[in-house]
Amino acid sequence: MSITVGLPQVPELHEPPEEADAEGCIQCQMGSKLVLFITGNCHWRCDYCPLSETRRDIDHMFANERRCESFDEVIEEARAMRATGAGITGGDPLMARERTLEGIRRLKAEFGPDFHLHMYTSIPFRPEWAAEFAEAGLDEIRFHFLDLESEQYRETIAACSAASIFTGVELPCEPDKESELLELLEILRGFDVDFLNLNELEITVGNIDNMELRGFNLSTEITAGAAGSAELAHILRNRVIAAANGLPDPIDAETRDPYDYHLKFCTAVYKDAGQLRRRFQRRGEATIAPHETLTEDSTLMFGAVYATERDQESWIEEIAEQTNLPRRFMLWDSDNRRIELPLVVAESIAEHVDASVAMVEVTPTFERMEVTVVWLNDNRQGEPFSLGS
């Protein structure tokens, strides 16, 4: 008998960073960026917002998948994954501006000036705040234009650029906004932006009803991307590339002056399965216990003998005595009431004990979510046992 919760199954991903990519993008592709969800609050109601009900409009802070009550816990999570930087997101971090500034200062103080910090916001905040964010240590900022209206962001973007914050725009590529996005390419010529990032529009549990109302469907069975989003992104990107090389646009054959910013397109499958899996791998490598194995799917696998709190100590002693397994290769998990140990040992004793024995696979996150449990014998009651045959 086995119980399995599936992780994304995707082909091998080969999307190396481009030379002109923002540093935040490069580190995300490496899986080395901590995701600092500063607050779930946001005063906009974007119909494509991917947040689930467990985070939307809730003023909680998360570092990766871990809910945090303090920046000390955020720093613990950053160390657990050997982070080289952090992406500050929400909600909207400007809805908790003082907390965001504190987080920037704490992370820079803890990890040094090379710890790269980028932030997302949809708020055209006061231009004088740009210097405040720069002084705190913010390296990069990405503006989300609400309703693709750009003019209200002009002064704030100019102030961020003047404060030496690497400044860009990041948007979902909505399939029904082709004319507006093509127009935006030209509008951005007059803005102090270094890059435009387009993300494949994702259909999630948090926005599926709204996406269905707009007539959007999933593009394939292995991605959350909306049909037509990637195709439109490639049209936009090809226009920028053609202009950079002095070539006619593939769509209208017009030759345009080069754009003075970089355009990057990030697919849903790469963002969710590539970057996430690399981050899992990085955290797994940093936190793996002696009895665990890091799998090709970036999960942790081990064996488990289910026991009671009363019996676990004597059982560990007996396993050590009968198998010569050093005690450091065994761990008592009081929450799940099981002795964790190497899978090969669990397999060798499974048929000789009157206790539940299983192979367990978990994500290498703070909560260690179980994705697979395979029972190795028919005993499910956790009764006292002997290792004798």
Protein backbone atom coordinates (compact mmCIF):
# COMPACT_ATOMS: atom_id res chain seq x y z
CA MET A 1 0.00 0.00 0.00
CA SER A 2 1.28 3.49 -0.77
CA ILE A 3 0.08 7.06 -0.44
CA THR A 4 1.48 9.63 -2.85
CA VAL A 5 1.04 13.37 -3.31
CA GLY A 6 2.41 14.36 -6.71
CA LEU A 7 5.04 17.02 -7.35
CA PRO A 8 5.17 18.70 -10.76
CA GLN A 9 6.44 16.23 -13.35
CA VAL A 10 8.23 18.20 -16.04
CA PRO A 11 10.91 17.54 -18.63
CA GLU A 12 14.50 18.48 -17.91
CA LEU A 13 14.70 22.25 -17.97
CA HIS A 14 17.48 24.01 -19.82
CA GLU A 15 16.86 27.75 -19.46
CA PRO A 16 20.15 29.35 -18.46
CA PRO A 17 20.08 33.02 -17.53
CA GLU A 18 20.71 35.54 -20.28
CA GLU A 19 23.58 37.98 -19.99
CA ALA A 20 21.24 40.97 -19.63
CA ASP A 21 18.92 39.36 -17.04
CA ALA A 22 18.38 41.20 -13.79
CA GLU A 23 20.41 39.82 -10.88
CA GLY A 24 17.19 38.90 -9.11
CA CYS A 25 16.23 36.70 -12.07
CA ILE A 26 19.64 35.03 -12.20
CA GLN A 27 19.55 34.09 -8.52
CA CYS A 28 15.95 32.87 -8.75
CA GLN A 29 16.94 30.61 -11.65
CA MET A 30 19.71 29.23 -9.45
CA GLY A 31 17.16 28.50 -6.73
CA SER A 32 19.21 30.57 -4.27
CA LYS A 33 16.69 33.33 -3.54
CA LEU A 34 14.66 33.28 -0.34
CA VAL A 35 11.01 34.16 -1.03
CA LEU A 36 10.04 36.68 1.65
CA PHE A 37 6.26 37.08 1.64
CA ILE A 38 6.01 40.18 3.77
CA THR A 39 2.20 40.49 3.97
CA GLY A 40 -0.89 39.17 2.23
CA ASN A 41 -2.53 42.58 2.28
CA CYS A 42 -3.09 44.39 -1.00
CA HIS A 43 -5.58 47.17 -1.74
CA TRP A 44 -6.05 46.06 -5.37
CA ARG A 45 -8.25 43.24 -6.62
CA CYS A 46 -6.45 41.95 -9.71
CA ASP A 47 -8.62 39.22 -11.20
CA TYR A 48 -5.51 37.17 -12.07
CA CYS A 49 -4.03 37.27 -8.54
CA PRO A 50 -2.67 33.73 -7.95
CA LEU A 51 -2.73 33.87 -4.13
CA SER A 52 -4.74 31.23 -2.29
CA GLU A 53 -7.21 32.00 0.47
CA THR A 54 -4.61 31.02 3.05
CA ARG A 55 -2.48 34.06 2.13
CA ARG A 56 -4.69 36.60 0.39
CA ASP A 57 -5.63 39.62 2.55
CA ILE A 58 -4.01 38.04 5.62
CA ASP A 59 -1.27 40.00 7.37
CA HIS A 60 1.10 37.09 7.96
CA MET A 61 4.77 36.81 6.98
CA PHE A 62 6.33 33.76 5.32
CA ALA A 63 9.90 32.90 4.44
CA ASN A 64 9.57 30.34 1.65
CA GLU A 65 6.91 27.95 2.95
CA ARG A 66 7.57 28.77 6.62
CA ARG A 67 5.28 31.13 8.50
CA CYS A 68 7.42 33.52 10.52
CA GLU A 69 6.62 35.68 13.53
CA SER A 70 9.94 37.54 13.49
CA PHE A 71 12.89 38.36 11.27
CA ASP A 72 15.00 36.04 13.41
CA GLU A 73 12.94 33.18 11.96
CA VAL A 74 13.29 34.64 8.46
CA ILE A 75 17.07 34.65 8.92
CA GLU A 76 16.96 31.02 10.13
CA GLU A 77 15.17 30.02 6.94
CA ALA A 78 17.64 31.97 4.80
CA ARG A 79 20.49 30.10 6.47
CA ALA A 80 18.69 26.77 6.07
CA MET A 81 18.72 27.16 2.29
CA ARG A 82 22.07 28.99 2.03
CA ALA A 83 20.30 31.92 0.38
CA THR A 84 22.28 34.43 -1.66
CA GLY A 85 19.46 36.94 -1.62
CA ALA A 86 15.73 37.44 -1.15
CA GLY A 87 12.75 38.45 -3.26
CA ILE A 88 10.30 40.55 -1.21
CA THR A 89 6.72 40.01 -2.29
CA GLY A 90 3.12 39.82 -1.10
CA GLY A 91 0.30 40.98 -1.26
CA ASP A 92 2.09 44.24 -1.68
CA PRO A 93 5.14 44.99 0.48
CA LEU A 94 4.20 48.69 0.48
CA MET A 95 1.13 47.77 2.54
CA ALA A 96 3.62 46.98 5.31
CA ARG A 97 6.28 49.55 4.43
CA GLU A 98 7.97 49.81 7.84
CA ARG A 99 8.11 46.02 8.18
CA THR A 100 9.57 45.81 4.67
CA LEU A 101 12.25 48.40 5.47
CA GLU A 102 13.07 46.54 8.69
CA GLY A 103 13.41 43.29 6.77
CA ILE A 104 15.74 44.87 4.21
CA ARG A 105 17.93 46.31 6.96
CA ARG A 106 17.99 43.08 8.99
CA LEU A 107 18.92 40.90 6.02
CA LYS A 108 21.66 43.26 4.85
CA ALA A 109 23.05 43.52 8.39
CA GLU A 110 23.02 39.74 8.81
CA PHE A 111 24.37 38.64 5.42
CA GLY A 112 26.26 41.67 4.15
CA PRO A 113 25.99 44.06 1.19
CA ASP A 114 26.24 41.31 -1.45
CA PHE A 115 23.02 39.67 -0.25
CA HIS A 116 20.81 40.71 -3.17
CA LEU A 117 17.35 42.07 -2.40
CA HIS A 118 14.62 42.75 -4.95
CA MET A 119 11.05 43.83 -4.26
CA TYR A 120 7.72 43.76 -6.10
CA THR A 121 5.06 46.45 -5.81
CA SER A 122 2.04 47.74 -7.69
CA ILE A 123 1.90 51.01 -5.74
CA PRO A 124 3.24 54.26 -7.28
CA PHE A 125 4.60 55.37 -3.92
CA ARG A 126 5.94 58.78 -2.97
CA PRO A 127 9.14 59.48 -4.92
CA GLU A 128 10.97 60.53 -1.74
CA TRP A 129 10.57 56.99 -0.38
CA ALA A 130 12.91 55.69 -3.09
CA ALA A 131 15.97 57.06 -1.27
CA GLU A 132 14.71 55.46 1.93
CA PHE A 133 14.57 52.02 0.29
CA ALA A 134 17.99 52.55 -1.29
CA GLU A 135 19.55 53.55 2.03
CA ALA A 136 18.02 50.48 3.71
CA GLY A 137 19.75 48.30 1.09
CA LEU A 138 17.20 47.51 -1.63
CA ASP A 139 19.06 46.54 -4.82
CA GLU A 140 16.26 46.05 -7.33
CA ILE A 141 12.57 46.94 -7.69
CA ARG A 142 9.89 45.63 -10.03
CA PHE A 143 6.71 47.60 -10.68
CA HIS A 144 3.45 45.94 -11.62
CA PHE A 145 1.37 48.38 -13.70
CA LEU A 146 -2.26 48.12 -12.65
CA ASP A 147 -4.52 47.87 -15.70
CA LEU A 148 -1.34 48.47 -17.75
CA GLU A 149 -1.59 52.19 -16.96
CA SER A 150 2.00 53.43 -16.81
CA GLU A 151 1.91 57.21 -16.41
CA GLN A 152 1.08 57.19 -12.69
CA TYR A 153 4.37 55.30 -12.06
CA ARG A 154 6.66 57.64 -14.01
CA GLU A 155 7.90 59.82 -11.12
CA THR A 156 8.35 56.91 -8.73
CA ILE A 157 10.28 54.90 -11.31
CA ALA A 158 12.51 57.89 -12.07
CA ALA A 159 13.18 58.38 -8.35
CA CYS A 160 14.13 54.71 -7.89
CA SER A 161 16.47 54.82 -10.84
CA ALA A 162 18.03 58.06 -9.55
CA ALA A 163 18.56 56.36 -6.17
CA SER A 164 20.64 53.67 -7.97
CA ILE A 165 18.01 50.96 -7.50
CA PHE A 166 17.97 48.65 -10.53
CA THR A 167 14.45 49.37 -11.77
CA GLY A 168 12.10 47.46 -14.01
CA VAL A 169 8.54 46.42 -14.76
CA GLU A 170 7.12 42.92 -14.26
CA LEU A 171 3.73 41.88 -15.62
CA PRO A 172 1.68 38.79 -16.36
CA CYS A 173 1.28 38.34 -20.11
CA GLU A 174 -2.50 38.43 -20.51
CA PRO A 175 -3.52 36.76 -23.79
CA ASP A 176 -6.31 39.28 -24.47
CA LYS A 177 -4.05 42.34 -24.04
CA GLU A 178 -1.94 42.09 -27.19
CA SER A 179 -2.50 45.64 -28.46
CA GLU A 180 -2.02 47.16 -25.01
CA LEU A 181 1.23 45.27 -24.39
CA LEU A 182 2.62 46.11 -27.82
CA GLU A 183 1.85 49.76 -27.10
CA LEU A 184 3.54 49.45 -23.72
CA LEU A 185 6.78 48.42 -25.42
CA GLU A 186 6.87 51.84 -27.06
CA ILE A 187 5.72 53.73 -23.96
CA LEU A 188 8.56 52.27 -21.90
CA ARG A 189 11.09 53.90 -24.22
CA GLY A 190 10.40 57.08 -22.28
CA PHE A 191 10.81 55.52 -18.80
CA ASP A 192 13.96 55.05 -16.70
CA VAL A 193 13.63 51.26 -16.68
CA ASP A 194 16.36 48.66 -17.09
CA PHE A 195 14.14 45.68 -17.86
CA LEU A 196 10.67 44.38 -18.60
CA ASN A 197 9.84 40.91 -17.28
CA LEU A 198 6.84 39.09 -18.69
CA ASN A 199 5.48 36.10 -16.80
CA GLU A 200 3.27 33.49 -18.39
CA LEU A 201 -0.21 34.08 -16.96
CA GLU A 202 -0.96 31.31 -14.48
CA ILE A 203 -4.31 29.73 -13.72
CA THR A 204 -4.37 28.74 -10.05
CA VAL A 205 -6.81 27.74 -7.34
CA GLY A 206 -6.89 31.40 -6.32
CA ASN A 207 -7.96 32.81 -9.69
CA ILE A 208 -9.51 29.97 -11.70
CA ASP A 209 -13.07 31.34 -11.52
CA ASN A 210 -11.99 34.74 -12.81
CA MET A 211 -9.86 33.19 -15.54
CA GLU A 212 -12.77 31.04 -16.71
CA LEU A 213 -14.94 34.16 -16.90
CA ARG A 214 -12.35 35.69 -19.23
CA GLY A 215 -12.34 32.55 -21.35
CA PHE A 216 -8.81 31.40 -20.47
CA ASN A 217 -7.90 27.71 -20.46
CA LEU A 218 -4.74 25.84 -19.47
CA SER A 219 -2.24 25.58 -22.31
CA THR A 220 -1.15 22.00 -21.45
CA GLU A 221 -1.70 19.38 -18.77
CA ILE A 222 1.75 19.88 -17.20
CA THR A 223 1.66 23.63 -16.72
CA ALA A 224 -0.52 26.23 -15.02
CA GLY A 225 0.05 28.61 -17.93
CA ALA A 226 -2.97 30.11 -19.70
CA ALA A 227 -3.33 29.24 -23.38
CA GLY A 228 -2.09 32.07 -25.58
CA SER A 229 0.05 33.75 -22.92
CA ALA A 230 3.37 32.25 -24.00
CA GLU A 231 2.60 32.84 -27.67
CA LEU A 232 1.96 36.55 -27.03
CA ALA A 233 5.09 36.84 -24.90
CA HIS A 234 7.16 35.45 -27.77
CA ILE A 235 5.66 38.02 -30.15
CA LEU A 236 6.71 40.81 -27.78
CA ARG A 237 10.13 39.35 -27.15
CA ASN A 238 10.79 38.75 -30.84
CA ARG A 239 9.98 42.40 -31.56
CA VAL A 240 12.57 43.57 -29.02
CA ILE A 241 15.18 41.10 -30.31
CA ALA A 242 14.56 42.10 -33.93
CA ALA A 243 14.95 45.78 -33.04
CA ALA A 244 18.21 45.09 -31.19
CA ASN A 245 19.61 43.42 -34.31
CA GLY A 246 18.31 45.96 -36.83
CA LEU A 247 15.95 43.43 -38.37
CA PRO A 248 12.31 43.74 -39.48
CA ASP A 249 9.70 42.68 -36.95
CA PRO A 250 8.46 39.12 -37.69
CA ILE A 251 4.82 40.25 -37.46
CA ASP A 252 4.56 43.59 -39.29
CA ALA A 253 7.97 43.67 -41.06
CA GLU A 254 8.69 47.15 -39.65
CA THR A 255 12.27 47.93 -38.60
CA ARG A 256 12.38 49.73 -35.26
CA ASP A 257 15.03 51.49 -33.23
CA PRO A 258 16.49 49.30 -30.46
CA TYR A 259 14.69 49.34 -27.13
CA ASP A 260 16.83 50.62 -24.27
CA TYR A 261 15.69 47.92 -21.84
CA HIS A 262 15.92 44.12 -21.65
CA LEU A 263 12.83 41.94 -22.09
CA LYS A 264 12.70 38.56 -20.36
CA PHE A 265 9.95 35.95 -20.54
CA CYS A 266 9.50 33.44 -17.70
CA THR A 267 7.29 30.41 -18.31
CA ALA A 268 4.95 29.02 -15.68
CA VAL A 269 6.51 25.56 -15.82
CA TYR A 270 9.99 26.96 -15.29
CA LYS A 271 8.95 29.33 -12.53
CA ASP A 272 7.02 26.73 -10.56
CA ALA A 273 8.84 23.50 -11.32
CA GLY A 274 12.33 24.67 -12.26
CA GLN A 275 13.03 27.42 -9.76
CA LEU A 276 11.03 25.76 -6.98
CA ARG A 277 12.74 22.41 -7.46
CA ARG A 278 16.18 24.04 -7.46
CA ARG A 279 15.31 25.87 -4.26
CA PHE A 280 14.16 22.58 -2.72
CA GLN A 281 17.40 20.93 -3.81
CA ARG A 282 19.44 23.72 -2.29
CA ARG A 283 17.61 23.51 1.04
CA GLY A 284 17.76 19.72 1.00
CA GLU A 285 21.53 19.75 0.50
CA ALA A 286 21.90 22.19 3.40
CA THR A 287 19.61 20.43 5.89
CA ILE A 288 19.81 16.72 5.04
CA ALA A 289 20.11 14.43 8.06
CA PRO A 290 22.45 11.39 8.17
CA HIS A 291 19.58 8.94 7.73
CA GLU A 292 18.05 10.72 4.71
CA THR A 293 18.64 10.53 0.96
CA LEU A 294 18.15 13.47 -1.40
CA THR A 295 16.24 12.23 -4.48
CA GLU A 296 16.38 13.37 -8.09
CA ASP A 297 13.08 15.17 -7.45
CA SER A 298 14.76 17.22 -4.69
CA THR A 299 12.80 15.49 -1.94
CA LEU A 300 14.13 13.68 1.14
CA MET A 301 13.58 9.94 1.55
CA PHE A 302 14.04 7.74 4.61
CA GLY A 303 12.65 4.74 6.43
CA ALA A 304 10.32 4.93 9.43
CA VAL A 305 9.33 2.59 12.25
CA TYR A 306 6.14 3.75 13.98
CA ALA A 307 6.24 3.60 17.77
CA THR A 308 4.86 5.10 20.95
CA GLU A 309 6.58 7.73 23.02
CA ARG A 310 6.97 5.17 25.80
CA ASP A 311 8.64 2.57 23.60
CA GLN A 312 10.73 4.62 21.22
CA GLU A 313 13.89 4.78 23.34
CA SER A 314 14.06 1.04 23.92
CA TRP A 315 13.26 0.37 20.27
CA ILE A 316 16.12 2.61 19.13
CA GLU A 317 18.42 0.70 21.47
CA GLU A 318 17.22 -2.62 20.08
CA ILE A 319 17.59 -1.52 16.44
CA ALA A 320 21.13 -0.32 17.19
CA GLU A 321 22.00 -3.59 18.92
CA GLN A 322 20.52 -5.87 16.25
CA THR A 323 21.71 -3.96 13.13
CA ASN A 324 24.87 -2.22 14.41
CA LEU A 325 23.39 1.06 13.16
CA PRO A 326 24.90 4.01 15.05
CA ARG A 327 22.34 6.01 17.02
CA ARG A 328 23.19 9.18 15.08
CA PHE A 329 21.46 7.56 12.08
CA MET A 330 18.16 7.39 13.98
CA LEU A 331 15.82 10.23 14.92
CA TRP A 332 12.64 10.18 16.99
CA ASP A 333 9.88 12.26 15.37
CA SER A 334 7.46 12.94 18.20
CA ASP A 335 4.91 14.73 15.99
CA ASN A 336 4.46 11.72 13.69
CA ARG A 337 5.34 9.14 16.36
CA ARG A 338 7.99 7.36 14.35
CA ILE A 339 11.67 6.50 14.42
CA GLU A 340 13.35 7.79 11.29
CA LEU A 341 16.29 5.73 9.99
CA PRO A 342 17.97 4.87 6.67
CA LEU A 343 15.58 3.31 4.17
CA VAL A 344 17.85 0.31 3.58
CA VAL A 345 17.66 -0.57 7.30
CA ALA A 346 13.89 -0.13 7.37
CA GLU A 347 13.56 -2.49 4.40
CA SER A 348 15.80 -5.10 6.06
CA ILE A 349 13.79 -5.24 9.29
CA ALA A 350 10.26 -4.69 7.96
CA GLU A 351 9.33 -8.38 7.80
CA HIS A 352 10.87 -9.17 11.19
CA VAL A 353 9.03 -6.69 13.40
CA ASP A 354 5.52 -6.39 14.77
CA ALA A 355 5.33 -2.67 13.99
CA SER A 356 4.42 -0.43 11.07
CA VAL A 357 7.41 0.21 8.82
CA ALA A 358 7.31 2.58 5.86
CA MET A 359 9.29 4.43 3.27
CA VAL A 360 8.60 8.14 3.66
CA GLU A 361 9.31 10.97 1.23
CA VAL A 362 9.02 14.61 2.32
CA THR A 363 9.74 18.03 0.88
CA PRO A 364 12.90 19.60 2.33
CA THR A 365 10.89 22.55 3.67
CA PHE A 366 10.39 23.74 7.23
CA GLU A 367 7.07 21.88 7.48
CA ARG A 368 8.46 18.75 5.74
CA MET A 369 5.24 17.97 3.85
CA GLU A 370 4.83 14.26 3.12
CA VAL A 371 4.55 13.51 -0.59
CA THR A 372 4.85 9.70 -0.43
CA VAL A 373 4.31 7.01 2.21
CA VAL A 374 4.85 3.38 1.12
CA TRP A 375 4.12 0.74 3.75
CA LEU A 376 6.78 -1.97 3.84
CA ASN A 377 4.78 -4.52 5.83
CA ASP A 378 1.23 -5.28 6.90
CA ASN A 379 1.62 -4.21 10.53
CA ARG A 380 -0.15 -0.91 11.14
CA GLN A 381 -0.75 -0.89 14.89
CA GLY A 382 2.65 0.00 16.34
CA GLU A 383 2.68 -2.91 18.81
CA PRO A 384 5.83 -3.82 20.75
CA PHE A 385 8.19 -5.86 18.59
CA SER A 386 11.36 -7.88 18.61
CA LEU A 387 13.98 -7.80 15.89
CA GLY A 388 14.54 -11.53 16.14
CA SER A 389 13.48 -13.58 13.10
